[in-house]
Every structure is written in structure tokens, then in C-alpha cells.
Amino acid sequence: MLIRRKLLNCDVEMDNEQTAQWYAYAEDWGCECVNCLNFLEVARRGLLPPYIKNLLVELHIPPTKATYVCLLDGEHLYQFSYRIVGNILSVQSEWEEDGRCCHESYPYGAPDFPAPHFDIEFFVELPQLQINISNTTAE
């Protein structure tokens, strides 16, 4: 069932149930490069910024199940996204708290995601943790 609400920089209609159902069966972000492993460990440890953690809890999206992750500056600035079932109705501003709603047609980590859909995307600095590549656990 689609509900209307303000989400980050947009007015949207979204289906919380279909979104939560997809994430219930989705896997964690699957890239095994050191930068993505760092993102996953930051997400597992609850080190994402509070406004992002709170929004993901509200939307029933596990933080490790991003649909896109990329280290942008080679140090700490990450771009990461999560997909939502629904539509963007109107854009109020370009950004809100380092995040925005946008539409990315490429599936990245969500090739079987229900349509229609949009993405919530964040650009934030994250801590760099010590990652043990051999067993993919952080120290």
C-alpha cells in the first residue's frame, strides 16, 4: 500500500511493506574490496550517522543491505544508497542532511527490485576501520 510522506528532500509515495519484504530476503552488499568491507563493518557496528541509522530503522532496512556503495575520495567520503518501492512526487531541495531521494535505473545490488522504485542516497564521511582481509572481520 502506497503512503505519502516527506522523505529527505522529496515528497514521495512509498510502499513500506513491499520494501521491507524485499530487504528481508536481500543479501548484504556483496563487493569484497577493502572499501566496501569497511562500509559493511561501519554499518554492522552501528557507526553510520544517527540520522541515517534512525531513517533505516524507521524504513525497516538493514544498514548492511545497501544497493550501492562507493568510496569517492580515496579516504573517508562514501556514497551509498538504498532502494525504496514507490515514486518521487516532487523534489523540495537538492539535498537534506547529506542525503537525497533520486531515481537510479541501474540495478547495482537490487536487480530484482519491484517497480516502481527510487533510491535514498547519502554522501558522508565514514571512519576507516582496520579490516582483516583474510577472514573479513574488523579488528
Protein backbone atom coordinates (compact mmCIF):
# COMPACT_ATOMS: atom_id res chain seq x y z
CA MET A 1 0.00 0.00 0.00
CA LEU A 2 1.44 3.35 -1.03
CA ILE A 3 1.66 6.07 1.61
CA ARG A 4 2.61 9.70 1.02
CA ARG A 5 5.28 11.37 3.13
CA LYS A 6 8.25 13.70 3.11
CA LEU A 7 11.49 11.74 2.84
CA LEU A 8 14.78 13.62 2.89
CA ASN A 9 14.49 16.27 0.15
CA CYS A 10 11.29 14.98 -1.52
CA ASP A 11 7.63 14.29 -1.22
CA VAL A 12 7.20 10.62 -2.07
CA GLU A 13 4.71 7.82 -2.15
CA MET A 14 6.20 4.58 -0.91
CA ASP A 15 5.21 1.03 -0.07
CA ASN A 16 6.78 0.14 3.27
CA GLU A 17 5.54 -3.46 3.19
CA GLN A 18 6.95 -4.33 -0.26
CA THR A 19 10.21 -2.57 0.58
CA ALA A 20 10.58 -4.48 3.87
CA GLN A 21 9.71 -7.78 2.14
CA TRP A 22 12.46 -7.29 -0.44
CA TYR A 23 15.06 -6.43 2.22
CA ALA A 24 14.02 -9.44 4.33
CA TYR A 25 15.45 -11.72 1.62
CA ALA A 26 18.21 -9.48 0.26
CA GLU A 27 21.86 -10.15 0.98
CA ASP A 28 24.36 -7.70 2.40
CA TRP A 29 26.20 -5.50 -0.12
CA GLY A 30 28.32 -8.04 -1.98
CA CYS A 31 31.51 -6.26 -3.06
CA GLU A 32 34.56 -7.60 -1.21
CA CYS A 33 37.01 -4.75 -1.88
CA VAL A 34 38.56 -3.26 1.25
CA ASN A 35 36.50 -0.04 0.94
CA CYS A 36 33.19 -1.90 0.76
CA LEU A 37 34.23 -4.23 3.58
CA ASN A 38 34.95 -1.09 5.62
CA PHE A 39 31.45 0.24 4.84
CA LEU A 40 29.87 -3.06 5.89
CA GLU A 41 31.80 -3.10 9.17
CA VAL A 42 30.84 0.53 9.89
CA ALA A 43 27.20 -0.43 9.25
CA ARG A 44 27.42 -3.61 11.41
CA ARG A 45 28.96 -1.67 14.31
CA GLY A 46 26.23 1.00 14.17
CA LEU A 47 28.70 3.74 13.21
CA LEU A 48 26.63 5.32 10.44
CA PRO A 49 25.48 8.87 11.29
CA PRO A 50 22.46 8.82 13.66
CA TYR A 51 20.03 10.41 11.17
CA ILE A 52 20.81 7.63 8.66
CA LYS A 53 20.57 4.85 11.26
CA ASN A 54 17.24 6.24 12.50
CA LEU A 55 15.81 6.54 8.99
CA LEU A 56 16.84 2.97 8.10
CA VAL A 57 15.27 1.65 11.32
CA GLU A 58 12.06 3.54 10.50
CA LEU A 59 12.05 2.05 6.99
CA HIS A 60 12.94 -1.49 8.21
CA ILE A 61 16.09 -1.54 6.06
CA PRO A 62 19.17 -3.30 7.48
CA PRO A 63 22.11 -0.90 7.05
CA THR A 64 24.37 -3.62 5.60
CA LYS A 65 21.94 -4.20 2.70
CA ALA A 66 22.84 -1.10 0.70
CA THR A 67 22.06 -1.31 -3.01
CA TYR A 68 25.13 0.75 -3.94
CA VAL A 69 28.40 1.62 -2.13
CA CYS A 70 31.42 3.57 -3.36
CA LEU A 71 34.38 5.30 -1.72
CA LEU A 72 34.62 8.63 -3.57
CA ASP A 73 37.76 10.38 -2.38
CA GLY A 74 40.09 7.51 -1.57
CA GLU A 75 39.94 8.28 2.15
CA HIS A 76 36.63 8.71 4.01
CA LEU A 77 33.87 10.10 1.73
CA TYR A 78 31.39 7.37 0.82
CA GLN A 79 28.38 7.35 -1.44
CA PHE A 80 25.79 4.69 -0.59
CA SER A 81 22.17 4.05 -1.47
CA TYR A 82 19.12 2.04 -0.50
CA ARG A 83 16.19 1.32 -2.83
CA ILE A 84 12.56 2.03 -1.90
CA VAL A 85 9.35 0.78 -3.57
CA GLY A 86 7.44 3.88 -4.69
CA ASN A 87 7.68 7.15 -6.57
CA ILE A 88 9.17 10.59 -6.09
CA LEU A 89 6.27 13.05 -6.35
CA SER A 90 8.20 16.32 -6.00
CA VAL A 91 11.70 17.50 -5.13
CA GLN A 92 11.84 20.21 -2.44
CA SER A 93 15.61 20.82 -2.46
CA GLU A 94 18.73 19.20 -3.86
CA TRP A 95 19.95 17.77 -0.52
CA GLU A 96 18.92 17.29 3.06
CA GLU A 97 21.44 16.19 5.73
CA ASP A 98 23.90 14.80 3.17
CA GLY A 99 21.14 12.70 1.61
CA ARG A 100 18.57 12.85 -1.13
CA CYS A 101 15.96 10.88 -3.00
CA CYS A 102 16.77 10.15 -6.61
CA HIS A 103 15.98 7.64 -9.30
CA GLU A 104 18.76 5.35 -10.47
CA SER A 105 17.68 2.92 -13.15
CA TYR A 106 20.77 0.69 -12.94
CA PRO A 107 20.09 -2.18 -10.51
CA TYR A 108 23.55 -2.45 -8.81
CA GLY A 109 22.72 -4.55 -5.72
CA ALA A 110 18.99 -4.76 -6.48
CA PRO A 111 18.47 -6.41 -9.87
CA ASP A 112 15.10 -7.92 -8.92
CA PHE A 113 13.70 -4.93 -7.04
CA PRO A 114 9.96 -4.29 -7.52
CA ALA A 115 8.87 -1.36 -9.69
CA PRO A 116 8.24 1.47 -9.42
CA HIS A 117 11.16 2.45 -7.22
CA PHE A 118 13.52 5.24 -6.20
CA ASP A 119 16.69 5.45 -4.13
CA ILE A 120 17.73 7.23 -0.97
CA GLU A 121 21.34 8.22 -1.45
CA PHE A 122 23.89 9.54 1.04
CA PHE A 123 27.31 11.20 0.71
CA VAL A 124 29.04 11.11 4.11
CA GLU A 125 32.43 10.65 5.69
CA LEU A 126 32.77 7.32 7.49
CA PRO A 127 35.53 6.10 9.79
CA GLN A 128 38.25 3.93 8.33
CA LEU A 129 38.42 0.71 10.37
CA GLN A 130 41.16 -1.90 10.39
CA ILE A 131 39.86 -4.72 8.20
CA ASN A 132 41.41 -8.17 8.21
CA ILE A 133 41.02 -9.19 4.56
CA SER A 134 41.79 -12.89 5.12
CA ASN A 135 38.62 -13.52 7.12
CA THR A 136 36.77 -10.21 6.52
CA THR A 137 36.41 -9.32 10.18
CA ALA A 138 37.40 -5.96 11.57
CA GLU A 139 39.76 -5.54 14.46
